[in-house]
Amino acid sequence: MINIGICDDEASMRRALRAPLERKLQLLGTSYRILEYDSGEALFSHPECAYLDILFLDIEMRQMNGMETAKNLRKRNAHTLLIFVTAYPDFVFQGYEVHAFHYILKPYEERRIQAVLEQALEELGKHREQYFTLEQKSGILRIPLKRILAFSSDRRKVVISLKDGSRPDFYGKLDEVESGLPDYFVRCHNRHLVNLNFVNALEKDRCICGQKQFPVSRAFRQPLEIAFARLLLR
């Protein structure tokens, strides 16, 4: 889930920013939470400010202004992507001091808001560890994608092959799993989806991932080879 904060002392401006953000996030299918604050003081009175992924921060606020708020935030959280919002372009250059990621000028343009949001989400994706989450009888299990060799379909269940040799499973369909994964998970067979980062070799009818092997079917062989070659060239 992406945690996004909007800090602006005008409720109408918070609404004007929130609406296009929500439209874009829903269109992308991104799980999100948007939190609103009417001042820097209000922001710091809530413990979740330490976990914000993105903060849209108005520079010209009463009491603690945006720059003071940004400096205080940096003392608590070095990782939040700061996006300044302002009616005055001259203020934008002050953002370098607090490592601002971007800025948006008022009055808002929906296209600009959504373009900056997409850039921020892309930046987060580069640094944020990604997980696959599944529900078991014992509770919720979050597995880092970097530990997963492959997903395999076994009747009504999907089996996860992990680096350590364990194989947790859950009820589901491979098609649904595939739709939510990064592009380095690729089908090698109708029943198998492999993590290209673990592929040691591609042979005529099999894909070797560490100590495990998965069959490669004719229908998926060419797309698999192309995806593997692209990964090697990155």
C-alpha atoms as a PDB file:
ATOM      1  CA  MET A   1       0.000   0.000   0.000  1.00  0.00           C
ATOM      2  CA  ILE A   2       1.206   3.517  -0.893  1.00  0.00           C
ATOM      3  CA  ASN A   3       0.814   6.074   1.911  1.00  0.00           C
ATOM      4  CA  ILE A   4       0.283   9.588   0.569  1.00  0.00           C
ATOM      5  CA  GLY A   5      -0.017  12.777   2.610  1.00  0.00           C
ATOM      6  CA  ILE A   6      -1.493  16.130   1.569  1.00  0.00           C
ATOM      7  CA  CYS A   7      -0.507  19.040   3.809  1.00  0.00           C
ATOM      8  CA  ASP A   8      -2.246  22.315   2.967  1.00  0.00           C
ATOM      9  CA  ASP A   9      -4.053  24.785   5.223  1.00  0.00           C
ATOM     10  CA  GLU A  10      -6.877  25.258   2.703  1.00  0.00           C
ATOM     11  CA  ALA A  11      -9.478  22.473   2.627  1.00  0.00           C
ATOM     12  CA  SER A  12     -10.519  23.372  -0.931  1.00  0.00           C
ATOM     13  CA  MET A  13      -6.923  22.943  -2.139  1.00  0.00           C
ATOM     14  CA  ARG A  14      -6.631  19.574  -0.412  1.00  0.00           C
ATOM     15  CA  ARG A  15      -9.812  18.420  -2.168  1.00  0.00           C
ATOM     16  CA  ALA A  16      -8.621  19.781  -5.520  1.00  0.00           C
ATOM     17  CA  LEU A  17      -5.420  17.748  -5.189  1.00  0.00           C
ATOM     18  CA  ARG A  18      -6.944  14.603  -3.726  1.00  0.00           C
ATOM     19  CA  ALA A  19      -9.544  14.020  -6.476  1.00  0.00           C
ATOM     20  CA  PRO A  20      -7.109  13.635  -9.436  1.00  0.00           C
ATOM     21  CA  LEU A  21      -4.726  11.605  -7.286  1.00  0.00           C
ATOM     22  CA  GLU A  22      -7.479   9.140  -6.435  1.00  0.00           C
ATOM     23  CA  ARG A  23      -8.636   8.901 -10.049  1.00  0.00           C
ATOM     24  CA  LYS A  24      -5.130   8.048 -11.219  1.00  0.00           C
ATOM     25  CA  LEU A  25      -4.401   5.577  -8.408  1.00  0.00           C
ATOM     26  CA  GLN A  26      -7.681   3.763  -9.034  1.00  0.00           C
ATOM     27  CA  LEU A  27      -6.952   3.641 -12.759  1.00  0.00           C
ATOM     28  CA  LEU A  28      -3.524   2.122 -12.032  1.00  0.00           C
ATOM     29  CA  GLY A  29      -5.039  -0.377  -9.613  1.00  0.00           C
ATOM     30  CA  THR A  30      -2.655   0.790  -6.900  1.00  0.00           C
ATOM     31  CA  SER A  31      -3.523   0.132  -3.272  1.00  0.00           C
ATOM     32  CA  TYR A  32      -3.308   3.445  -1.444  1.00  0.00           C
ATOM     33  CA  ARG A  33      -4.193   5.532   1.602  1.00  0.00           C
ATOM     34  CA  ILE A  34      -4.416   9.334   1.462  1.00  0.00           C
ATOM     35  CA  LEU A  35      -4.051  11.310   4.696  1.00  0.00           C
ATOM     36  CA  GLU A  36      -4.824  15.024   4.960  1.00  0.00           C
ATOM     37  CA  TYR A  37      -3.256  17.609   7.274  1.00  0.00           C
ATOM     38  CA  ASP A  38      -4.161  21.286   7.611  1.00  0.00           C
ATOM     39  CA  SER A  39      -0.765  22.355   8.981  1.00  0.00           C
ATOM     40  CA  GLY A  40       2.769  21.196   9.651  1.00  0.00           C
ATOM     41  CA  GLU A  41       1.878  20.919  13.318  1.00  0.00           C
ATOM     42  CA  ALA A  42      -1.030  18.601  12.484  1.00  0.00           C
ATOM     43  CA  LEU A  43       1.274  16.471  10.339  1.00  0.00           C
ATOM     44  CA  PHE A  44       3.743  15.913  13.168  1.00  0.00           C
ATOM     45  CA  SER A  45       1.012  15.207  15.709  1.00  0.00           C
ATOM     46  CA  HIS A  46       0.275  11.924  13.901  1.00  0.00           C
ATOM     47  CA  PRO A  47       2.783   9.053  14.163  1.00  0.00           C
ATOM     48  CA  GLU A  48       2.071   7.865  10.615  1.00  0.00           C
ATOM     49  CA  CYS A  49       4.011  10.865   9.248  1.00  0.00           C
ATOM     50  CA  ALA A  50       7.113   8.714   9.725  1.00  0.00           C
ATOM     51  CA  TYR A  51       5.763   6.197   7.186  1.00  0.00           C
ATOM     52  CA  LEU A  52       4.564   8.457   4.385  1.00  0.00           C
ATOM     53  CA  ASP A  53       5.825   7.404   0.959  1.00  0.00           C
ATOM     54  CA  ILE A  54       4.819  10.662  -0.754  1.00  0.00           C
ATOM     55  CA  LEU A  55       3.924  14.050   0.722  1.00  0.00           C
ATOM     56  CA  PHE A  56       2.322  16.871  -1.257  1.00  0.00           C
ATOM     57  CA  LEU A  57       3.316  19.917   0.791  1.00  0.00           C
ATOM     58  CA  ASP A  58       2.072  23.482   0.443  1.00  0.00           C
ATOM     59  CA  ILE A  59       4.907  25.987   0.875  1.00  0.00           C
ATOM     60  CA  GLU A  60       2.829  29.013   1.946  1.00  0.00           C
ATOM     61  CA  MET A  61       1.065  27.908   5.145  1.00  0.00           C
ATOM     62  CA  ARG A  62       0.290  29.848   8.287  1.00  0.00           C
ATOM     63  CA  GLN A  63       2.362  29.165  11.413  1.00  0.00           C
ATOM     64  CA  MET A  64       4.878  26.463  10.358  1.00  0.00           C
ATOM     65  CA  ASN A  65       5.394  27.023   6.633  1.00  0.00           C
ATOM     66  CA  GLY A  66       6.200  24.371   4.072  1.00  0.00           C
ATOM     67  CA  MET A  67       9.977  24.763   4.220  1.00  0.00           C
ATOM     68  CA  GLU A  68      10.056  24.482   8.009  1.00  0.00           C
ATOM     69  CA  THR A  69       7.770  21.467   7.786  1.00  0.00           C
ATOM     70  CA  ALA A  70      10.020  19.847   5.181  1.00  0.00           C
ATOM     71  CA  LYS A  71      13.147  20.391   7.297  1.00  0.00           C
ATOM     72  CA  ASN A  72      11.473  18.856  10.341  1.00  0.00           C
ATOM     73  CA  LEU A  73      10.218  15.925   8.263  1.00  0.00           C
ATOM     74  CA  ARG A  74      13.707  15.227   6.958  1.00  0.00           C
ATOM     75  CA  LYS A  75      14.929  14.870  10.549  1.00  0.00           C
ATOM     76  CA  ARG A  76      12.337  12.138  11.100  1.00  0.00           C
ATOM     77  CA  ASN A  77      12.079  10.501   7.690  1.00  0.00           C
ATOM     78  CA  ALA A  78      14.718  10.731   4.969  1.00  0.00           C
ATOM     79  CA  HIS A  79      12.789   8.576   2.515  1.00  0.00           C
ATOM     80  CA  THR A  80       9.485  10.399   1.947  1.00  0.00           C
ATOM     81  CA  LEU A  81       9.238  11.821  -1.571  1.00  0.00           C
ATOM     82  CA  LEU A  82       8.482  15.516  -1.107  1.00  0.00           C
ATOM     83  CA  ILE A  83       6.400  17.257  -3.767  1.00  0.00           C
ATOM     84  CA  PHE A  84       5.935  20.972  -3.148  1.00  0.00           C
ATOM     85  CA  VAL A  85       2.757  22.753  -4.179  1.00  0.00           C
ATOM     86  CA  THR A  86       2.830  26.529  -4.535  1.00  0.00           C
ATOM     87  CA  ALA A  87       1.335  29.462  -6.408  1.00  0.00           C
ATOM     88  CA  TYR A  88       4.761  31.107  -6.691  1.00  0.00           C
ATOM     89  CA  PRO A  89       7.431  29.491  -8.913  1.00  0.00           C
ATOM     90  CA  ASP A  90      10.211  31.384  -7.101  1.00  0.00           C
ATOM     91  CA  PHE A  91       9.740  29.180  -4.042  1.00  0.00           C
ATOM     92  CA  VAL A  92      10.484  26.033  -6.004  1.00  0.00           C
ATOM     93  CA  PHE A  93      14.257  26.544  -5.919  1.00  0.00           C
ATOM     94  CA  GLN A  94      14.274  26.343  -2.122  1.00  0.00           C
ATOM     95  CA  GLY A  95      13.295  22.685  -2.485  1.00  0.00           C
ATOM     96  CA  TYR A  96      16.857  21.597  -3.196  1.00  0.00           C
ATOM     97  CA  GLU A  97      17.758  22.194   0.436  1.00  0.00           C
ATOM     98  CA  VAL A  98      15.329  19.501   1.598  1.00  0.00           C
ATOM     99  CA  HIS A  99      15.793  17.190  -1.419  1.00  0.00           C
ATOM    100  CA  ALA A 100      12.334  17.806  -2.858  1.00  0.00           C
ATOM    101  CA  PHE A 101      11.413  15.314  -5.561  1.00  0.00           C
ATOM    102  CA  HIS A 102       9.163  17.610  -7.621  1.00  0.00           C
ATOM    103  CA  TYR A 103       6.770  20.539  -7.514  1.00  0.00           C
ATOM    104  CA  ILE A 104       3.273  21.429  -8.746  1.00  0.00           C
ATOM    105  CA  LEU A 105       2.036  24.968  -9.365  1.00  0.00           C
ATOM    106  CA  LYS A 106      -1.368  26.286  -8.353  1.00  0.00           C
ATOM    107  CA  PRO A 107      -3.980  26.494  -9.770  1.00  0.00           C
ATOM    108  CA  TYR A 108      -3.821  22.760 -10.331  1.00  0.00           C
ATOM    109  CA  GLU A 109      -3.850  21.040 -13.698  1.00  0.00           C
ATOM    110  CA  GLU A 110      -5.018  17.429 -13.464  1.00  0.00           C
ATOM    111  CA  ARG A 111      -2.593  16.267 -16.151  1.00  0.00           C
ATOM    112  CA  ARG A 112       0.365  17.768 -14.264  1.00  0.00           C
ATOM    113  CA  ILE A 113      -0.696  16.246 -10.932  1.00  0.00           C
ATOM    114  CA  GLN A 114      -1.083  12.795 -12.431  1.00  0.00           C
ATOM    115  CA  ALA A 115       2.192  12.980 -14.372  1.00  0.00           C
ATOM    116  CA  VAL A 116       4.137  13.912 -11.210  1.00  0.00           C
ATOM    117  CA  LEU A 117       2.349  11.157  -9.279  1.00  0.00           C
ATOM    118  CA  GLU A 118       3.383   8.581 -11.889  1.00  0.00           C
ATOM    119  CA  GLN A 119       7.009   9.716 -11.670  1.00  0.00           C
ATOM    120  CA  ALA A 120       6.879   9.438  -7.874  1.00  0.00           C
ATOM    121  CA  LEU A 121       5.403   5.932  -8.024  1.00  0.00           C
ATOM    122  CA  GLU A 122       8.099   4.884 -10.479  1.00  0.00           C
ATOM    123  CA  GLU A 123      10.791   6.274  -8.155  1.00  0.00           C
ATOM    124  CA  LEU A 124       9.293   4.415  -5.194  1.00  0.00           C
ATOM    125  CA  GLY A 125       9.309   1.197  -7.170  1.00  0.00           C
ATOM    126  CA  LYS A 126      13.067   1.439  -7.697  1.00  0.00           C
ATOM    127  CA  HIS A 127      13.832   1.502  -3.989  1.00  0.00           C
ATOM    128  CA  ARG A 128      10.954  -0.232  -2.312  1.00  0.00           C
ATOM    129  CA  GLU A 129      11.035  -3.923  -1.550  1.00  0.00           C
ATOM    130  CA  GLN A 130       8.085  -5.671  -3.163  1.00  0.00           C
ATOM    131  CA  TYR A 131       6.105  -8.455  -1.555  1.00  0.00           C
ATOM    132  CA  PHE A 132       3.608 -11.129  -2.489  1.00  0.00           C
ATOM    133  CA  THR A 133       0.920 -11.373   0.167  1.00  0.00           C
ATOM    134  CA  LEU A 134      -1.183 -14.460   0.789  1.00  0.00           C
ATOM    135  CA  GLU A 135      -3.633 -15.533   3.435  1.00  0.00           C
ATOM    136  CA  GLN A 136      -3.175 -18.824   5.274  1.00  0.00           C
ATOM    137  CA  LYS A 137      -4.904 -20.432   8.251  1.00  0.00           C
ATOM    138  CA  SER A 138      -2.091 -19.201  10.480  1.00  0.00           C
ATOM    139  CA  GLY A 139      -2.529 -15.604   9.242  1.00  0.00           C
ATOM    140  CA  ILE A 140      -1.213 -13.231   6.578  1.00  0.00           C
ATOM    141  CA  LEU A 141       2.136 -14.121   5.006  1.00  0.00           C
ATOM    142  CA  ARG A 142       4.230 -11.500   3.174  1.00  0.00           C
ATOM    143  CA  ILE A 143       6.970 -12.967   0.979  1.00  0.00           C
ATOM    144  CA  PRO A 144       9.618 -10.704  -0.620  1.00  0.00           C
ATOM    145  CA  LEU A 145       9.528 -11.190  -4.405  1.00  0.00           C
ATOM    146  CA  LYS A 146      13.326 -11.501  -4.408  1.00  0.00           C
ATOM    147  CA  ARG A 147      12.936 -14.847  -2.573  1.00  0.00           C
ATOM    148  CA  ILE A 148      10.464 -16.358  -5.053  1.00  0.00           C
ATOM    149  CA  LEU A 149      11.762 -18.653  -7.815  1.00  0.00           C
ATOM    150  CA  ALA A 150       8.419 -19.467  -9.373  1.00  0.00           C
ATOM    151  CA  PHE A 151       4.659 -19.827  -9.041  1.00  0.00           C
ATOM    152  CA  SER A 152       3.103 -23.111 -10.184  1.00  0.00           C
ATOM    153  CA  SER A 153      -0.502 -24.114 -10.676  1.00  0.00           C
ATOM    154  CA  ASP A 154      -1.577 -27.372  -9.014  1.00  0.00           C
ATOM    155  CA  ARG A 155      -5.284 -27.956  -9.614  1.00  0.00           C
ATOM    156  CA  ARG A 156      -7.111 -25.352  -7.527  1.00  0.00           C
ATOM    157  CA  LYS A 157      -3.970 -24.237  -5.712  1.00  0.00           C
ATOM    158  CA  VAL A 158      -0.933 -22.114  -6.555  1.00  0.00           C
ATOM    159  CA  VAL A 159       2.392 -23.330  -5.157  1.00  0.00           C
ATOM    160  CA  ILE A 160       5.244 -20.862  -4.510  1.00  0.00           C
ATOM    161  CA  SER A 161       8.814 -22.166  -4.910  1.00  0.00           C
ATOM    162  CA  LEU A 162      11.176 -20.222  -2.628  1.00  0.00           C
ATOM    163  CA  LYS A 163      14.968 -19.920  -2.566  1.00  0.00           C
ATOM    164  CA  ASP A 164      15.189 -21.823   0.698  1.00  0.00           C
ATOM    165  CA  GLY A 165      13.332 -24.808  -0.781  1.00  0.00           C
ATOM    166  CA  SER A 166      10.042 -24.239   1.036  1.00  0.00           C
ATOM    167  CA  ARG A 167       6.806 -24.336  -0.975  1.00  0.00           C
ATOM    168  CA  PRO A 168       3.868 -22.481   0.591  1.00  0.00           C
ATOM    169  CA  ASP A 169       0.586 -22.736  -1.303  1.00  0.00           C
ATOM    170  CA  PHE A 170      -2.814 -21.080  -1.430  1.00  0.00           C
ATOM    171  CA  TYR A 171      -6.102 -21.388  -3.299  1.00  0.00           C
ATOM    172  CA  GLY A 172      -6.058 -19.292  -6.451  1.00  0.00           C
ATOM    173  CA  LYS A 173      -5.449 -19.042 -10.190  1.00  0.00           C
ATOM    174  CA  LEU A 174      -2.123 -18.457 -11.884  1.00  0.00           C
ATOM    175  CA  ASP A 175      -3.661 -15.889 -14.258  1.00  0.00           C
ATOM    176  CA  GLU A 176      -4.732 -13.737 -11.309  1.00  0.00           C
ATOM    177  CA  VAL A 177      -1.289 -14.013  -9.703  1.00  0.00           C
ATOM    178  CA  GLU A 178       0.474 -13.056 -12.933  1.00  0.00           C
ATOM    179  CA  SER A 179      -1.573  -9.877 -13.425  1.00  0.00           C
ATOM    180  CA  GLY A 180      -0.225  -8.358 -10.205  1.00  0.00           C
ATOM    181  CA  LEU A 181       3.483  -9.190 -10.630  1.00  0.00           C
ATOM    182  CA  PRO A 182       6.422  -7.211 -12.116  1.00  0.00           C
ATOM    183  CA  ASP A 183       7.442  -8.013 -15.700  1.00  0.00           C
ATOM    184  CA  TYR A 184      10.389 -10.184 -14.615  1.00  0.00           C
ATOM    185  CA  PHE A 185       7.905 -12.944 -13.748  1.00  0.00           C
ATOM    186  CA  VAL A 186       7.242 -14.698 -17.059  1.00  0.00           C
ATOM    187  CA  ARG A 187       5.328 -17.808 -18.132  1.00  0.00           C
ATOM    188  CA  CYS A 188       7.429 -20.719 -19.271  1.00  0.00           C
ATOM    189  CA  HIS A 189       4.464 -23.102 -19.312  1.00  0.00           C
ATOM    190  CA  ASN A 190       0.712 -22.898 -18.853  1.00  0.00           C
ATOM    191  CA  ARG A 191       1.226 -24.093 -15.263  1.00  0.00           C
ATOM    192  CA  HIS A 192       4.472 -22.291 -14.358  1.00  0.00           C
ATOM    193  CA  LEU A 193       5.511 -18.663 -13.919  1.00  0.00           C
ATOM    194  CA  VAL A 194       9.251 -18.140 -13.300  1.00  0.00           C
ATOM    195  CA  ASN A 195      11.307 -15.291 -11.869  1.00  0.00           C
ATOM    196  CA  LEU A 196      13.805 -14.398 -14.616  1.00  0.00           C
ATOM    197  CA  ASN A 197      16.278 -13.139 -12.007  1.00  0.00           C
ATOM    198  CA  PHE A 198      16.844 -16.776 -10.966  1.00  0.00           C
ATOM    199  CA  VAL A 199      17.019 -18.337 -14.425  1.00  0.00           C
ATOM    200  CA  ASN A 200      20.471 -19.885 -14.896  1.00  0.00           C
ATOM    201  CA  ALA A 201      19.801 -21.453 -18.275  1.00  0.00           C
ATOM    202  CA  LEU A 202      17.147 -21.979 -20.923  1.00  0.00           C
ATOM    203  CA  GLU A 203      17.234 -25.316 -22.683  1.00  0.00           C
ATOM    204  CA  LYS A 204      15.012 -26.714 -25.398  1.00  0.00           C
ATOM    205  CA  ASP A 205      12.264 -27.952 -23.128  1.00  0.00           C
ATOM    206  CA  ARG A 206      13.171 -26.732 -19.655  1.00  0.00           C
ATOM    207  CA  CYS A 207      14.053 -23.665 -17.632  1.00  0.00           C
ATOM    208  CA  ILE A 208      16.653 -24.026 -14.864  1.00  0.00           C
ATOM    209  CA  CYS A 209      16.221 -21.813 -11.777  1.00  0.00           C
ATOM    210  CA  GLY A 210      18.862 -22.522  -9.174  1.00  0.00           C
ATOM    211  CA  GLN A 211      18.442 -26.168  -8.185  1.00  0.00           C
ATOM    212  CA  LYS A 212      14.946 -26.416  -9.669  1.00  0.00           C
ATOM    213  CA  GLN A 213      13.755 -27.090 -13.194  1.00  0.00           C
ATOM    214  CA  PHE A 214      10.489 -26.093 -14.854  1.00  0.00           C
ATOM    215  CA  PRO A 215       9.140 -27.290 -18.196  1.00  0.00           C
ATOM    216  CA  VAL A 216       9.065 -24.902 -21.145  1.00  0.00           C
ATOM    217  CA  SER A 217       6.198 -25.361 -23.564  1.00  0.00           C
ATOM    218  CA  ARG A 218       6.317 -24.473 -27.253  1.00  0.00           C
ATOM    219  CA  ALA A 219       3.661 -21.751 -26.878  1.00  0.00           C
ATOM    220  CA  PHE A 220       5.690 -19.807 -24.292  1.00  0.00           C
ATOM    221  CA  ARG A 221       9.234 -20.506 -25.456  1.00  0.00           C
ATOM    222  CA  GLN A 222       9.768 -17.504 -27.761  1.00  0.00           C
ATOM    223  CA  PRO A 223       8.287 -14.846 -25.391  1.00  0.00           C
ATOM    224  CA  LEU A 224      10.364 -16.372 -22.569  1.00  0.00           C
ATOM    225  CA  GLU A 225      13.586 -16.188 -24.610  1.00  0.00           C
ATOM    226  CA  ILE A 226      12.903 -12.556 -25.561  1.00  0.00           C
ATOM    227  CA  ALA A 227      12.161 -11.548 -21.962  1.00  0.00           C
ATOM    228  CA  PHE A 228      15.285 -13.341 -20.725  1.00  0.00           C
ATOM    229  CA  ALA A 229      17.479 -11.655 -23.362  1.00  0.00           C
ATOM    230  CA  ARG A 230      16.095  -8.231 -22.429  1.00  0.00           C
ATOM    231  CA  LEU A 231      16.890  -8.846 -18.775  1.00  0.00           C
ATOM    232  CA  LEU A 232      20.488  -9.751 -19.628  1.00  0.00           C
ATOM    233  CA  LEU A 233      20.898  -6.515 -21.590  1.00  0.00           C
ATOM    234  CA  ARG A 234      19.748  -4.220 -18.760  1.00  0.00           C
END
